[in-house]
Amino acid sequence: VAQALAADPDLAPALQTKGTILLRRGELDGALVLFERAAVNDPQTAEYLYMQAQILIMKGDETRAMELLQQALDVEVGHVGANNDLAWLLAGNGQSLDRALKLAKRAVRISSSADTLDTLGYVYLRTGDADEAVSVLGRALEARPDSPSIEYRLGVALAAKGDTKEAKAILTKALEAPAFKE
């Protein structure tokens, strides 16, 4: 990486690699600067905008993160992470739930993973569609059966659906997990 940047200090992939190294070390500000430089030098790559947004989410600046996620989608409408994360943030803030649902559905169409299914289920939960939330979160849990976070959201969805017995069982399981961050 050092040699590549010495030869071309504006080489976006090298800036991304160095930014990723700093990010893994927890050096958020340094990583953010490098991803910003990469985006300036290669404005047609959505990933650099997406990585900036990730760092801003970690730093608690959701407003700026949402702006960057939208910019990433303007560059690449099919960027899974940008669709997924913008849907999550919009739903979490109770904003533009129709748009959040559209973004979450797009993310699942592109890549049906535990993460995208979890987001789609969460958005359904926020829109008040408990039946769809239970269905989608159940699929997310099948994809990642060791996730207390998904279990928690599934439990909330089951409770919203009126299935209190199953909700209590799954919520109890989620709460007993050592990795439960909610």
Protein backbone atom coordinates (compact mmCIF):
# COMPACT_ATOMS: atom_id res chain seq x y z
CA VAL A 1 0.00 0.00 0.00
CA ALA A 2 2.79 2.41 0.92
CA GLN A 3 4.53 1.82 -2.40
CA ALA A 4 1.31 2.33 -4.36
CA LEU A 5 0.58 5.57 -2.53
CA ALA A 6 4.17 6.74 -2.97
CA ALA A 7 3.81 6.20 -6.71
CA ASP A 8 0.33 7.77 -6.83
CA PRO A 9 -0.90 9.48 -3.63
CA ASP A 10 -4.40 9.74 -5.11
CA LEU A 11 -4.84 6.08 -6.04
CA ALA A 12 -8.31 5.37 -4.66
CA PRO A 13 -7.96 1.59 -4.12
CA ALA A 14 -4.74 2.13 -2.14
CA LEU A 15 -6.41 4.87 -0.09
CA GLN A 16 -9.28 2.45 0.59
CA THR A 17 -6.89 -0.28 1.71
CA LYS A 18 -5.04 2.05 4.05
CA GLY A 19 -8.38 3.41 5.32
CA THR A 20 -9.58 -0.11 6.03
CA ILE A 21 -6.41 -0.84 8.00
CA LEU A 22 -6.93 2.29 10.10
CA LEU A 23 -10.59 1.44 10.59
CA ARG A 24 -9.70 -2.01 11.92
CA ARG A 25 -7.31 -0.34 14.36
CA GLY A 26 -10.13 1.90 15.55
CA GLU A 27 -8.59 5.04 14.05
CA LEU A 28 -11.89 6.39 12.77
CA ASP A 29 -10.84 9.94 11.94
CA GLY A 30 -7.81 8.85 9.93
CA ALA A 31 -9.83 6.25 8.08
CA LEU A 32 -12.56 8.78 7.33
CA VAL A 33 -10.04 11.17 5.75
CA LEU A 34 -8.69 8.40 3.51
CA PHE A 35 -12.16 7.29 2.37
CA GLU A 36 -13.03 10.93 1.66
CA ARG A 37 -9.91 11.26 -0.49
CA ALA A 38 -10.71 8.01 -2.28
CA ALA A 39 -14.22 9.27 -3.07
CA VAL A 40 -12.89 12.54 -4.43
CA ASN A 41 -10.39 10.72 -6.64
CA ASP A 42 -12.88 8.10 -7.83
CA PRO A 43 -16.38 9.60 -7.68
CA GLN A 44 -17.88 6.66 -9.60
CA THR A 45 -17.24 4.14 -6.81
CA ALA A 46 -20.04 4.03 -4.25
CA GLU A 47 -18.04 1.95 -1.77
CA TYR A 48 -15.91 4.92 -0.67
CA LEU A 49 -19.03 6.91 0.19
CA TYR A 50 -20.49 3.88 1.93
CA MET A 51 -17.39 3.43 4.08
CA GLN A 52 -17.52 7.08 5.11
CA ALA A 53 -21.14 6.58 6.13
CA GLN A 54 -20.20 3.52 8.20
CA ILE A 55 -17.62 5.52 10.11
CA LEU A 56 -20.06 8.39 10.69
CA ILE A 57 -22.62 5.91 12.05
CA MET A 58 -19.96 4.66 14.47
CA LYS A 59 -19.28 8.26 15.47
CA GLY A 60 -23.01 8.94 16.00
CA ASP A 61 -23.55 11.29 13.04
CA GLU A 62 -26.54 9.57 11.46
CA THR A 63 -27.69 12.67 9.58
CA ARG A 64 -24.45 13.00 7.61
CA ALA A 65 -24.28 9.20 7.24
CA MET A 66 -27.72 9.18 5.59
CA GLU A 67 -26.59 11.90 3.18
CA LEU A 68 -23.55 9.82 2.19
CA LEU A 69 -25.64 6.66 1.84
CA GLN A 70 -27.93 8.53 -0.53
CA GLN A 71 -24.90 9.76 -2.48
CA ALA A 72 -23.68 6.17 -2.71
CA LEU A 73 -27.07 5.16 -4.12
CA ASP A 74 -26.90 8.02 -6.60
CA VAL A 75 -23.65 6.51 -7.86
CA GLU A 76 -24.77 2.85 -7.65
CA VAL A 77 -28.47 2.24 -7.05
CA GLY A 78 -27.79 -1.45 -6.41
CA HIS A 79 -25.24 -1.00 -3.61
CA VAL A 80 -26.55 -3.52 -1.09
CA GLY A 81 -25.00 -1.94 1.98
CA ALA A 82 -26.20 1.56 1.15
CA ASN A 83 -29.76 0.34 0.50
CA ASN A 84 -29.75 -1.75 3.66
CA ASP A 85 -28.23 0.80 6.00
CA LEU A 86 -30.26 3.75 4.74
CA ALA A 87 -33.44 1.67 5.18
CA TRP A 88 -32.38 0.80 8.74
CA LEU A 89 -31.62 4.41 9.66
CA LEU A 90 -34.83 5.76 8.14
CA ALA A 91 -36.91 3.12 9.94
CA GLY A 92 -35.07 3.64 13.20
CA ASN A 93 -35.85 7.34 13.05
CA GLY A 94 -39.44 6.71 11.95
CA GLN A 95 -38.75 8.67 8.77
CA SER A 96 -40.00 7.91 5.28
CA LEU A 97 -41.11 4.39 6.14
CA ASP A 98 -42.40 3.79 2.60
CA ARG A 99 -38.97 4.67 1.25
CA ALA A 100 -37.28 2.56 3.92
CA LEU A 101 -39.41 -0.40 2.85
CA LYS A 102 -38.52 0.13 -0.80
CA LEU A 103 -34.79 0.29 0.01
CA ALA A 104 -34.93 -2.78 2.28
CA LYS A 105 -36.80 -4.80 -0.35
CA ARG A 106 -34.24 -3.80 -2.97
CA ALA A 107 -31.39 -4.89 -0.69
CA VAL A 108 -33.02 -8.31 -0.17
CA ARG A 109 -33.61 -8.72 -3.93
CA ILE A 110 -29.94 -8.05 -4.58
CA SER A 111 -28.59 -10.13 -1.71
CA SER A 112 -30.87 -12.13 0.54
CA SER A 113 -28.69 -12.43 3.65
CA ALA A 114 -29.33 -12.45 7.37
CA ASP A 115 -28.45 -8.75 7.49
CA THR A 116 -30.75 -7.64 4.67
CA LEU A 117 -33.59 -9.86 5.89
CA ASP A 118 -33.14 -8.50 9.42
CA THR A 119 -33.43 -4.95 8.09
CA LEU A 120 -36.49 -5.76 6.00
CA GLY A 121 -38.13 -7.43 9.01
CA TYR A 122 -37.29 -4.41 11.16
CA VAL A 123 -38.80 -2.05 8.61
CA TYR A 124 -41.97 -4.17 8.46
CA LEU A 125 -42.10 -4.03 12.25
CA ARG A 126 -41.75 -0.23 12.20
CA THR A 127 -44.52 0.06 9.58
CA GLY A 128 -46.84 -2.00 11.77
CA ASP A 129 -46.94 -5.10 9.56
CA ALA A 130 -46.29 -7.69 12.26
CA ASP A 131 -47.20 -10.67 10.04
CA GLU A 132 -44.58 -9.77 7.41
CA ALA A 133 -42.08 -8.87 10.14
CA VAL A 134 -42.45 -12.31 11.73
CA SER A 135 -42.11 -14.06 8.38
CA VAL A 136 -39.01 -12.16 7.27
CA LEU A 137 -37.31 -12.13 10.68
CA GLY A 138 -37.90 -15.88 10.89
CA ARG A 139 -35.96 -16.24 7.62
CA ALA A 140 -33.23 -13.95 8.97
CA LEU A 141 -32.93 -16.12 12.07
CA GLU A 142 -32.69 -19.26 9.92
CA ALA A 143 -29.80 -17.60 8.09
CA ARG A 144 -28.11 -16.59 11.36
CA PRO A 145 -29.48 -18.80 14.15
CA ASP A 146 -26.99 -17.56 16.74
CA SER A 147 -28.13 -13.91 16.65
CA PRO A 148 -29.81 -12.69 19.81
CA SER A 149 -30.46 -9.36 18.08
CA ILE A 150 -32.55 -11.01 15.38
CA GLU A 151 -34.24 -13.13 18.05
CA TYR A 152 -35.10 -9.97 19.94
CA ARG A 153 -36.70 -8.30 16.91
CA LEU A 154 -38.55 -11.53 16.09
CA GLY A 155 -39.82 -11.66 19.66
CA VAL A 156 -41.06 -8.07 19.44
CA ALA A 157 -42.76 -8.88 16.12
CA LEU A 158 -44.39 -11.99 17.60
CA ALA A 159 -45.68 -9.91 20.51
CA ALA A 160 -47.04 -7.32 18.09
CA LYS A 161 -48.77 -10.15 16.21
CA GLY A 162 -50.34 -11.33 19.47
CA ASP A 163 -48.34 -14.54 19.88
CA THR A 164 -47.27 -13.76 23.45
CA LYS A 165 -46.23 -17.29 24.42
CA GLU A 166 -43.78 -17.65 21.52
CA ALA A 167 -42.67 -14.03 21.96
CA LYS A 168 -41.84 -14.62 25.62
CA ALA A 169 -39.84 -17.74 24.81
CA ILE A 170 -37.74 -16.13 22.09
CA LEU A 171 -37.25 -12.87 24.02
CA THR A 172 -36.10 -14.82 27.07
CA LYS A 173 -33.60 -16.71 24.90
CA ALA A 174 -32.31 -13.45 23.40
CA LEU A 175 -31.94 -11.78 26.80
CA GLU A 176 -29.96 -14.73 28.16
CA ALA A 177 -27.40 -14.61 25.34
CA PRO A 178 -24.05 -13.12 26.37
CA ALA A 179 -23.66 -11.29 23.03
CA PHE A 180 -27.02 -9.51 23.25
CA LYS A 181 -26.24 -5.83 22.69
CA GLU A 182 -29.76 -4.36 22.67
